[in-house]
């Protein structure tokens, strides 16, 4: 599964535009409320750092995945949420400020947790531990795609409120169009091989996706987290940075087979996240 123009240029650029639009709907007050009520942040991090790696491990064992595919699933579980999670949270009426906070914190923690989780998985499934230095440029890229355009949007909202009113509707329409184009491109990019990939790891990827999204939503609800923040956590936990996982599999681990689970997951999650967002957002109405 080779990264093409979609994941290296088109997708980051599209998400940058989308994140600018999200910034137009945010203010500093959104973030101060998150700091004031940190329980949601801690629960989200617990789901990401503890539940997902164990969930991926048991799914890989139960499905009898080949060793390299099992490690690829663990690599996906260890990857943080991406800007796409913020977009789906926004479309589902989730707490986008919480999403952005979780994305930022997860990206930093990943520097320490991802090498440990994946090295342990390689030792268990393949019998060969291997150190994984997290590329600093990828961490910077996550911050850049998420925080820079959002910050610009927030500055426009604060200092040019009239311009914000003019931009909100066209940017919202553009966001929906870009989302559809990304989904179509993700399907067409490897249409000749997509059947083989799904046969190898499709069910496992789907199970892990459902586990991620549902645990990310219902565990916070058990702890009395409100619906908007639970939606945000569910999207953050259920939508992983597949591009980062694929990059690590191909360049750091030099193993194309390990890139298959995150590649398949990245296609599945568009549809499951859309359905999930539709049902949970109805509770806000």
C-alpha atoms as a PDB file:
ATOM      1  CA  UNK A   1       0.000   0.000   0.000  1.00  0.00           C
ATOM      2  CA  UNK A   2       1.930   2.994  -1.248  1.00  0.00           C
ATOM      3  CA  UNK A   3       1.212   6.536  -0.101  1.00  0.00           C
ATOM      4  CA  UNK A   4       0.307   8.614  -3.106  1.00  0.00           C
ATOM      5  CA  UNK A   5      -0.469  12.209  -3.863  1.00  0.00           C
ATOM      6  CA  UNK A   6      -3.694  11.923  -1.866  1.00  0.00           C
ATOM      7  CA  UNK A   7      -2.032  11.376   1.521  1.00  0.00           C
ATOM      8  CA  UNK A   8       1.148  13.373   0.934  1.00  0.00           C
ATOM      9  CA  UNK A   9      -0.291  16.582  -0.565  1.00  0.00           C
ATOM     10  CA  UNK A  10      -4.007  16.665  -1.404  1.00  0.00           C
ATOM     11  CA  UNK A  11      -5.370  15.377   1.927  1.00  0.00           C
ATOM     12  CA  UNK A  12      -3.200  17.608   4.169  1.00  0.00           C
ATOM     13  CA  UNK A  13      -4.064  20.637   2.026  1.00  0.00           C
ATOM     14  CA  UNK A  14      -7.791  19.832   2.102  1.00  0.00           C
ATOM     15  CA  UNK A  15      -7.762  19.282   5.845  1.00  0.00           C
ATOM     16  CA  UNK A  16      -5.884  22.547   6.328  1.00  0.00           C
ATOM     17  CA  UNK A  17      -8.695  24.402   4.556  1.00  0.00           C
ATOM     18  CA  UNK A  18     -11.301  22.505   6.565  1.00  0.00           C
ATOM     19  CA  UNK A  19      -9.543  23.280   9.862  1.00  0.00           C
ATOM     20  CA  UNK A  20      -9.529  26.961   8.966  1.00  0.00           C
ATOM     21  CA  UNK A  21     -13.300  26.731   8.732  1.00  0.00           C
ATOM     22  CA  UNK A  22     -13.477  25.048  12.127  1.00  0.00           C
ATOM     23  CA  UNK A  23     -11.442  27.865  13.639  1.00  0.00           C
ATOM     24  CA  UNK A  24     -14.081  30.323  12.488  1.00  0.00           C
ATOM     25  CA  UNK A  25     -16.533  28.648  14.897  1.00  0.00           C
ATOM     26  CA  UNK A  26     -14.202  28.602  17.928  1.00  0.00           C
ATOM     27  CA  UNK A  27     -13.169  31.107  20.574  1.00  0.00           C
ATOM     28  CA  UNK A  28     -10.760  31.097  23.510  1.00  0.00           C
ATOM     29  CA  UNK A  29     -13.717  30.406  25.808  1.00  0.00           C
ATOM     30  CA  UNK A  30     -14.082  26.954  24.234  1.00  0.00           C
ATOM     31  CA  UNK A  31     -10.609  26.011  25.428  1.00  0.00           C
ATOM     32  CA  UNK A  32     -10.917  27.543  28.878  1.00  0.00           C
ATOM     33  CA  UNK A  33     -14.017  25.417  29.438  1.00  0.00           C
ATOM     34  CA  UNK A  34     -11.988  22.309  28.580  1.00  0.00           C
ATOM     35  CA  UNK A  35      -9.296  23.304  31.084  1.00  0.00           C
ATOM     36  CA  UNK A  36     -11.989  23.995  33.669  1.00  0.00           C
ATOM     37  CA  UNK A  37     -13.438  20.505  33.275  1.00  0.00           C
ATOM     38  CA  UNK A  38     -10.459  18.214  32.704  1.00  0.00           C
ATOM     39  CA  UNK A  39     -12.300  14.936  33.370  1.00  0.00           C
ATOM     40  CA  UNK A  40     -13.225  14.539  29.701  1.00  0.00           C
ATOM     41  CA  UNK A  41      -9.583  15.007  28.644  1.00  0.00           C
ATOM     42  CA  UNK A  42      -8.331  12.354  31.069  1.00  0.00           C
ATOM     43  CA  UNK A  43     -11.029   9.851  30.044  1.00  0.00           C
ATOM     44  CA  UNK A  44     -10.236  10.431  26.380  1.00  0.00           C
ATOM     45  CA  UNK A  45      -6.532   9.846  26.982  1.00  0.00           C
ATOM     46  CA  UNK A  46      -7.296   6.689  28.983  1.00  0.00           C
ATOM     47  CA  UNK A  47      -9.336   5.271  26.102  1.00  0.00           C
ATOM     48  CA  UNK A  48      -6.584   6.153  23.611  1.00  0.00           C
ATOM     49  CA  UNK A  49      -3.590   4.955  25.611  1.00  0.00           C
ATOM     50  CA  UNK A  50      -5.008   1.904  27.412  1.00  0.00           C
ATOM     51  CA  UNK A  51      -8.219   0.543  25.890  1.00  0.00           C
ATOM     52  CA  UNK A  52      -7.226   0.762  22.229  1.00  0.00           C
ATOM     53  CA  UNK A  53      -3.877  -1.105  22.413  1.00  0.00           C
ATOM     54  CA  UNK A  54      -5.414  -3.919  24.467  1.00  0.00           C
ATOM     55  CA  UNK A  55      -8.446  -4.020  22.153  1.00  0.00           C
ATOM     56  CA  UNK A  56      -6.265  -4.255  19.045  1.00  0.00           C
ATOM     57  CA  UNK A  57      -4.169  -6.986  20.652  1.00  0.00           C
ATOM     58  CA  UNK A  58      -7.170  -9.191  21.481  1.00  0.00           C
ATOM     59  CA  UNK A  59      -8.748  -8.655  18.043  1.00  0.00           C
ATOM     60  CA  UNK A  60      -5.480  -9.602  16.326  1.00  0.00           C
ATOM     61  CA  UNK A  61      -5.259 -12.757  18.463  1.00  0.00           C
ATOM     62  CA  UNK A  62      -8.940 -13.697  18.058  1.00  0.00           C
ATOM     63  CA  UNK A  63      -8.873 -13.189  14.271  1.00  0.00           C
ATOM     64  CA  UNK A  64      -5.606 -15.091  13.879  1.00  0.00           C
ATOM     65  CA  UNK A  65      -3.993 -12.322  11.852  1.00  0.00           C
ATOM     66  CA  UNK A  66      -0.641 -12.945  10.228  1.00  0.00           C
ATOM     67  CA  UNK A  67       2.181 -11.502  12.400  1.00  0.00           C
ATOM     68  CA  UNK A  68       2.875  -8.500  10.176  1.00  0.00           C
ATOM     69  CA  UNK A  69      -0.814  -7.634   9.910  1.00  0.00           C
ATOM     70  CA  UNK A  70      -1.179  -7.947  13.692  1.00  0.00           C
ATOM     71  CA  UNK A  71       1.691  -5.501  14.184  1.00  0.00           C
ATOM     72  CA  UNK A  72       0.091  -3.188  11.616  1.00  0.00           C
ATOM     73  CA  UNK A  73      -3.138  -3.186  13.640  1.00  0.00           C
ATOM     74  CA  UNK A  74      -1.184  -2.405  16.815  1.00  0.00           C
ATOM     75  CA  UNK A  75       0.629   0.386  14.966  1.00  0.00           C
ATOM     76  CA  UNK A  76      -2.744   1.840  14.042  1.00  0.00           C
ATOM     77  CA  UNK A  77      -3.971   1.589  17.645  1.00  0.00           C
ATOM     78  CA  UNK A  78      -0.889   3.462  18.852  1.00  0.00           C
ATOM     79  CA  UNK A  79      -1.342   6.300  16.350  1.00  0.00           C
ATOM     80  CA  UNK A  80      -3.120   9.446  17.564  1.00  0.00           C
ATOM     81  CA  UNK A  81      -6.271  10.938  16.158  1.00  0.00           C
ATOM     82  CA  UNK A  82      -5.929  13.243  13.189  1.00  0.00           C
ATOM     83  CA  UNK A  83      -7.522  16.376  11.797  1.00  0.00           C
ATOM     84  CA  UNK A  84     -10.253  14.249  10.182  1.00  0.00           C
ATOM     85  CA  UNK A  85     -11.557  13.439  13.687  1.00  0.00           C
ATOM     86  CA  UNK A  86     -12.028  17.152  14.312  1.00  0.00           C
ATOM     87  CA  UNK A  87     -13.960  17.494  11.060  1.00  0.00           C
ATOM     88  CA  UNK A  88     -16.339  14.625  11.838  1.00  0.00           C
ATOM     89  CA  UNK A  89     -16.809  15.932  15.368  1.00  0.00           C
ATOM     90  CA  UNK A  90     -17.700  19.340  13.925  1.00  0.00           C
ATOM     91  CA  UNK A  91     -20.217  17.821  11.493  1.00  0.00           C
ATOM     92  CA  UNK A  92     -21.727  15.744  14.344  1.00  0.00           C
ATOM     93  CA  UNK A  93     -22.069  18.722  16.715  1.00  0.00           C
ATOM     94  CA  UNK A  94     -19.295  17.464  18.981  1.00  0.00           C
ATOM     95  CA  UNK A  95     -17.032  19.590  21.167  1.00  0.00           C
ATOM     96  CA  UNK A  96     -14.336  20.486  18.613  1.00  0.00           C
ATOM     97  CA  UNK A  97     -12.257  22.366  21.191  1.00  0.00           C
ATOM     98  CA  UNK A  98     -11.946  19.110  23.138  1.00  0.00           C
ATOM     99  CA  UNK A  99     -10.967  17.305  19.918  1.00  0.00           C
ATOM    100  CA  UNK A 100      -8.201  19.782  19.206  1.00  0.00           C
ATOM    101  CA  UNK A 101      -6.905  19.533  22.779  1.00  0.00           C
ATOM    102  CA  UNK A 102      -6.871  15.719  22.633  1.00  0.00           C
ATOM    103  CA  UNK A 103      -5.163  15.732  19.223  1.00  0.00           C
ATOM    104  CA  UNK A 104      -2.426  18.032  20.513  1.00  0.00           C
ATOM    105  CA  UNK A 105      -1.812  16.042  23.720  1.00  0.00           C
ATOM    106  CA  UNK A 106      -1.961  12.679  21.945  1.00  0.00           C
ATOM    107  CA  UNK A 107       0.555  13.833  19.359  1.00  0.00           C
ATOM    108  CA  UNK A 108       3.072  14.630  22.115  1.00  0.00           C
ATOM    109  CA  UNK A 109       2.412  11.452  24.126  1.00  0.00           C
ATOM    110  CA  UNK A 110       2.800   9.398  20.953  1.00  0.00           C
ATOM    111  CA  UNK A 111       6.503  10.250  20.983  1.00  0.00           C
ATOM    112  CA  UNK A 112       6.784   7.920  23.975  1.00  0.00           C
ATOM    113  CA  UNK A 113       3.876   5.471  23.719  1.00  0.00           C
ATOM    114  CA  UNK A 114       4.010   4.504  20.035  1.00  0.00           C
ATOM    115  CA  UNK A 115       7.597   3.146  20.037  1.00  0.00           C
ATOM    116  CA  UNK A 116       6.876   1.113  23.181  1.00  0.00           C
ATOM    117  CA  UNK A 117       3.559  -0.344  21.949  1.00  0.00           C
ATOM    118  CA  UNK A 118       4.816  -1.257  18.477  1.00  0.00           C
ATOM    119  CA  UNK A 119       8.151  -2.643  19.687  1.00  0.00           C
ATOM    120  CA  UNK A 120       6.287  -4.812  22.223  1.00  0.00           C
ATOM    121  CA  UNK A 121       3.897  -5.983  19.475  1.00  0.00           C
ATOM    122  CA  UNK A 122       6.785  -6.892  17.177  1.00  0.00           C
ATOM    123  CA  UNK A 123       8.448  -8.809  19.975  1.00  0.00           C
ATOM    124  CA  UNK A 124       5.232 -10.737  20.733  1.00  0.00           C
ATOM    125  CA  UNK A 125       3.932 -11.422  17.219  1.00  0.00           C
ATOM    126  CA  UNK A 126       7.201 -11.588  15.272  1.00  0.00           C
ATOM    127  CA  UNK A 127       9.802 -12.338  17.930  1.00  0.00           C
ATOM    128  CA  UNK A 128      11.919  -9.337  17.016  1.00  0.00           C
ATOM    129  CA  UNK A 129      11.759  -6.093  18.944  1.00  0.00           C
ATOM    130  CA  UNK A 130      12.785  -3.031  17.008  1.00  0.00           C
ATOM    131  CA  UNK A 131      13.173   0.549  18.194  1.00  0.00           C
ATOM    132  CA  UNK A 132      10.968   3.036  16.355  1.00  0.00           C
ATOM    133  CA  UNK A 133      12.159   6.640  16.429  1.00  0.00           C
ATOM    134  CA  UNK A 134       9.118   8.849  15.902  1.00  0.00           C
ATOM    135  CA  UNK A 135       9.829  11.259  13.014  1.00  0.00           C
ATOM    136  CA  UNK A 136       9.773  14.735  14.528  1.00  0.00           C
ATOM    137  CA  UNK A 137       8.613  16.193  11.222  1.00  0.00           C
ATOM    138  CA  UNK A 138       5.417  14.107  11.380  1.00  0.00           C
ATOM    139  CA  UNK A 139       4.617  15.415  14.848  1.00  0.00           C
ATOM    140  CA  UNK A 140       5.140  18.959  13.593  1.00  0.00           C
ATOM    141  CA  UNK A 141       2.903  18.182  10.613  1.00  0.00           C
ATOM    142  CA  UNK A 142       0.041  17.117  12.900  1.00  0.00           C
ATOM    143  CA  UNK A 143       0.356  20.333  14.878  1.00  0.00           C
ATOM    144  CA  UNK A 144       0.617  22.414  11.710  1.00  0.00           C
ATOM    145  CA  UNK A 145      -2.424  20.885   9.988  1.00  0.00           C
ATOM    146  CA  UNK A 146      -4.581  21.177  13.110  1.00  0.00           C
ATOM    147  CA  UNK A 147      -3.425  24.159  15.132  1.00  0.00           C
ATOM    148  CA  UNK A 148      -2.153  26.694  12.580  1.00  0.00           C
ATOM    149  CA  UNK A 149      -5.284  26.997  10.380  1.00  0.00           C
ATOM    150  CA  UNK A 150      -7.571  26.773  13.428  1.00  0.00           C
ATOM    151  CA  UNK A 151      -5.627  29.603  15.078  1.00  0.00           C
ATOM    152  CA  UNK A 152      -5.927  31.699  11.909  1.00  0.00           C
ATOM    153  CA  UNK A 153      -9.683  31.055  11.826  1.00  0.00           C
ATOM    154  CA  UNK A 154     -10.023  32.053  15.491  1.00  0.00           C
ATOM    155  CA  UNK A 155      -8.064  35.256  14.881  1.00  0.00           C
ATOM    156  CA  UNK A 156     -10.341  36.128  11.967  1.00  0.00           C
ATOM    157  CA  UNK A 157     -13.379  35.509  14.159  1.00  0.00           C
ATOM    158  CA  UNK A 158     -12.007  37.720  16.924  1.00  0.00           C
ATOM    159  CA  UNK A 159     -10.684  40.627  14.872  1.00  0.00           C
ATOM    160  CA  UNK A 160     -12.840  40.457  11.720  1.00  0.00           C
ATOM    161  CA  UNK A 161     -16.308  39.292  12.861  1.00  0.00           C
ATOM    162  CA  UNK A 162     -17.969  40.686   9.716  1.00  0.00           C
ATOM    163  CA  UNK A 163     -15.649  38.630   7.505  1.00  0.00           C
ATOM    164  CA  UNK A 164     -16.381  35.579   9.656  1.00  0.00           C
ATOM    165  CA  UNK A 165     -20.099  35.883   8.946  1.00  0.00           C
ATOM    166  CA  UNK A 166     -19.391  36.016   5.214  1.00  0.00           C
ATOM    167  CA  UNK A 167     -17.052  33.017   5.279  1.00  0.00           C
ATOM    168  CA  UNK A 168     -18.987  30.622   7.526  1.00  0.00           C
ATOM    169  CA  UNK A 169     -21.532  29.356   4.987  1.00  0.00           C
ATOM    170  CA  UNK A 170     -19.214  28.933   1.956  1.00  0.00           C
ATOM    171  CA  UNK A 171     -16.543  27.289   4.117  1.00  0.00           C
ATOM    172  CA  UNK A 172     -19.112  24.882   5.568  1.00  0.00           C
ATOM    173  CA  UNK A 173     -20.234  23.940   2.042  1.00  0.00           C
ATOM    174  CA  UNK A 174     -16.619  23.574   0.901  1.00  0.00           C
ATOM    175  CA  UNK A 175     -15.917  21.332   3.913  1.00  0.00           C
ATOM    176  CA  UNK A 176     -18.717  18.957   2.936  1.00  0.00           C
ATOM    177  CA  UNK A 177     -17.543  18.847  -0.705  1.00  0.00           C
ATOM    178  CA  UNK A 178     -13.929  18.215   0.301  1.00  0.00           C
ATOM    179  CA  UNK A 179     -15.026  15.415   2.610  1.00  0.00           C
ATOM    180  CA  UNK A 180     -16.879  13.663  -0.214  1.00  0.00           C
ATOM    181  CA  UNK A 181     -13.876  14.065  -2.536  1.00  0.00           C
ATOM    182  CA  UNK A 182     -11.511  12.621   0.066  1.00  0.00           C
ATOM    183  CA  UNK A 183     -13.742   9.561   0.511  1.00  0.00           C
ATOM    184  CA  UNK A 184     -13.962   8.986  -3.262  1.00  0.00           C
ATOM    185  CA  UNK A 185     -10.214   9.458  -3.692  1.00  0.00           C
ATOM    186  CA  UNK A 186      -9.463   7.047  -0.860  1.00  0.00           C
ATOM    187  CA  UNK A 187     -11.547   4.357  -2.564  1.00  0.00           C
ATOM    188  CA  UNK A 188     -10.237   4.933  -6.099  1.00  0.00           C
ATOM    189  CA  UNK A 189      -6.560   5.289  -5.118  1.00  0.00           C
ATOM    190  CA  UNK A 190      -6.022   1.505  -4.939  1.00  0.00           C
ATOM    191  CA  UNK A 191      -9.209   0.157  -6.471  1.00  0.00           C
ATOM    192  CA  UNK A 192      -7.414  -2.785  -8.143  1.00  0.00           C
ATOM    193  CA  UNK A 193      -6.036  -4.108  -4.840  1.00  0.00           C
ATOM    194  CA  UNK A 194      -8.744  -3.060  -2.448  1.00  0.00           C
ATOM    195  CA  UNK A 195     -10.513  -6.436  -2.591  1.00  0.00           C
ATOM    196  CA  UNK A 196      -7.381  -8.331  -1.538  1.00  0.00           C
ATOM    197  CA  UNK A 197      -6.696  -5.918   1.301  1.00  0.00           C
ATOM    198  CA  UNK A 198     -10.219  -6.215   2.672  1.00  0.00           C
ATOM    199  CA  UNK A 199     -10.101 -10.013   2.454  1.00  0.00           C
ATOM    200  CA  UNK A 200      -6.936 -10.100   4.554  1.00  0.00           C
ATOM    201  CA  UNK A 201      -7.813  -7.669   7.320  1.00  0.00           C
ATOM    202  CA  UNK A 202     -11.215  -6.087   6.608  1.00  0.00           C
ATOM    203  CA  UNK A 203     -13.170  -7.773   9.422  1.00  0.00           C
ATOM    204  CA  UNK A 204     -10.444  -7.115  11.989  1.00  0.00           C
ATOM    205  CA  UNK A 205     -10.211  -3.464  10.935  1.00  0.00           C
ATOM    206  CA  UNK A 206     -13.983  -3.072  11.152  1.00  0.00           C
ATOM    207  CA  UNK A 207     -14.127  -4.671  14.612  1.00  0.00           C
ATOM    208  CA  UNK A 208     -11.345  -2.437  15.847  1.00  0.00           C
ATOM    209  CA  UNK A 209     -13.031   0.614  14.364  1.00  0.00           C
ATOM    210  CA  UNK A 210     -16.325  -0.179  16.092  1.00  0.00           C
ATOM    211  CA  UNK A 211     -14.542  -0.921  19.378  1.00  0.00           C
ATOM    212  CA  UNK A 212     -12.650   2.372  19.166  1.00  0.00           C
ATOM    213  CA  UNK A 213     -15.629   4.542  18.320  1.00  0.00           C
ATOM    214  CA  UNK A 214     -18.140   2.935  20.684  1.00  0.00           C
ATOM    215  CA  UNK A 215     -15.789   2.761  23.669  1.00  0.00           C
ATOM    216  CA  UNK A 216     -14.753   6.350  22.993  1.00  0.00           C
ATOM    217  CA  UNK A 217     -18.390   7.400  23.227  1.00  0.00           C
ATOM    218  CA  UNK A 218     -19.969   5.139  25.835  1.00  0.00           C
ATOM    219  CA  UNK A 219     -17.158   5.075  28.423  1.00  0.00           C
ATOM    220  CA  UNK A 220     -17.347   8.877  28.829  1.00  0.00           C
ATOM    221  CA  UNK A 221     -21.144   8.611  29.049  1.00  0.00           C
ATOM    222  CA  UNK A 222     -20.746   6.118  31.916  1.00  0.00           C
ATOM    223  CA  UNK A 223     -18.738   8.793  33.743  1.00  0.00           C
ATOM    224  CA  UNK A 224     -21.456  11.426  33.171  1.00  0.00           C
ATOM    225  CA  UNK A 225     -19.605  13.291  30.417  1.00  0.00           C
ATOM    226  CA  UNK A 226     -22.071  15.331  28.362  1.00  0.00           C
ATOM    227  CA  UNK A 227     -23.108  14.215  24.891  1.00  0.00           C
ATOM    228  CA  UNK A 228     -21.125  16.817  22.907  1.00  0.00           C
ATOM    229  CA  UNK A 229     -17.870  15.941  24.672  1.00  0.00           C
ATOM    230  CA  UNK A 230     -18.614  12.196  24.381  1.00  0.00           C
ATOM    231  CA  UNK A 231     -19.101  12.632  20.619  1.00  0.00           C
ATOM    232  CA  UNK A 232     -15.754  14.436  20.456  1.00  0.00           C
ATOM    233  CA  UNK A 233     -13.985  11.652  22.350  1.00  0.00           C
ATOM    234  CA  UNK A 234     -15.690   8.974  20.250  1.00  0.00           C
ATOM    235  CA  UNK A 235     -14.493  10.630  17.035  1.00  0.00           C
ATOM    236  CA  UNK A 236     -11.007  11.269  18.417  1.00  0.00           C
ATOM    237  CA  UNK A 237     -10.636   7.642  19.536  1.00  0.00           C
ATOM    238  CA  UNK A 238     -12.354   6.130  16.495  1.00  0.00           C
ATOM    239  CA  UNK A 239     -10.609   8.103  13.742  1.00  0.00           C
ATOM    240  CA  UNK A 240      -6.885   7.447  13.746  1.00  0.00           C
ATOM    241  CA  UNK A 241      -4.083   9.124  11.840  1.00  0.00           C
ATOM    242  CA  UNK A 242      -3.827   6.417   9.184  1.00  0.00           C
ATOM    243  CA  UNK A 243      -1.392   8.480   7.145  1.00  0.00           C
ATOM    244  CA  UNK A 244       1.073   8.518  10.034  1.00  0.00           C
ATOM    245  CA  UNK A 245       0.680   4.762  10.570  1.00  0.00           C
ATOM    246  CA  UNK A 246       1.242   4.049   6.861  1.00  0.00           C
ATOM    247  CA  UNK A 247       4.266   6.348   6.805  1.00  0.00           C
ATOM    248  CA  UNK A 248       5.849   4.545   9.768  1.00  0.00           C
ATOM    249  CA  UNK A 249       5.142   1.107   8.292  1.00  0.00           C
ATOM    250  CA  UNK A 250       6.688   1.952   4.926  1.00  0.00           C
ATOM    251  CA  UNK A 251       9.631   4.137   5.925  1.00  0.00           C
ATOM    252  CA  UNK A 252      10.604   3.382   9.528  1.00  0.00           C
ATOM    253  CA  UNK A 253       9.705  -0.318   9.673  1.00  0.00           C
ATOM    254  CA  UNK A 254      10.206  -0.862   5.927  1.00  0.00           C
ATOM    255  CA  UNK A 255       7.332  -3.358   5.828  1.00  0.00           C
ATOM    256  CA  UNK A 256       4.530  -2.837   3.295  1.00  0.00           C
ATOM    257  CA  UNK A 257       2.332  -5.551   4.855  1.00  0.00           C
ATOM    258  CA  UNK A 258       2.118  -3.554   8.090  1.00  0.00           C
ATOM    259  CA  UNK A 259       0.593  -0.655   6.171  1.00  0.00           C
ATOM    260  CA  UNK A 260      -2.432  -2.729   5.072  1.00  0.00           C
ATOM    261  CA  UNK A 261      -4.476  -2.515   8.335  1.00  0.00           C
ATOM    262  CA  UNK A 262      -4.245   1.285   8.623  1.00  0.00           C
ATOM    263  CA  UNK A 263      -4.967   1.650   4.892  1.00  0.00           C
ATOM    264  CA  UNK A 264      -8.123  -0.495   5.090  1.00  0.00           C
ATOM    265  CA  UNK A 265      -9.149   1.160   8.351  1.00  0.00           C
ATOM    266  CA  UNK A 266      -8.801   4.610   6.792  1.00  0.00           C
ATOM    267  CA  UNK A 267     -11.441   3.731   4.194  1.00  0.00           C
ATOM    268  CA  UNK A 268     -13.814   1.989   6.605  1.00  0.00           C
ATOM    269  CA  UNK A 269     -13.743   4.798   9.143  1.00  0.00           C
ATOM    270  CA  UNK A 270     -15.227   7.362   6.748  1.00  0.00           C
ATOM    271  CA  UNK A 271     -18.446   5.371   6.515  1.00  0.00           C
ATOM    272  CA  UNK A 272     -18.676   4.207  10.139  1.00  0.00           C
ATOM    273  CA  UNK A 273     -17.863   7.696  11.426  1.00  0.00           C
ATOM    274  CA  UNK A 274     -20.576   9.162   9.215  1.00  0.00           C
ATOM    275  CA  UNK A 275     -23.173   6.689  10.513  1.00  0.00           C
ATOM    276  CA  UNK A 276     -21.990   7.064  14.103  1.00  0.00           C
ATOM    277  CA  UNK A 277     -22.074  10.855  13.869  1.00  0.00           C
ATOM    278  CA  UNK A 278     -25.600  10.835  12.450  1.00  0.00           C
ATOM    279  CA  UNK A 279     -27.043   8.759  15.295  1.00  0.00           C
ATOM    280  CA  UNK A 280     -25.268  10.386  18.235  1.00  0.00           C
ATOM    281  CA  UNK A 281     -25.786  13.948  16.972  1.00  0.00           C
ATOM    282  CA  UNK A 282     -29.554  13.405  17.052  1.00  0.00           C
ATOM    283  CA  UNK A 283     -29.315  13.398  20.862  1.00  0.00           C
ATOM    284  CA  UNK A 284     -28.254  17.043  20.741  1.00  0.00           C
ATOM    285  CA  UNK A 285     -31.453  18.060  18.986  1.00  0.00           C
END
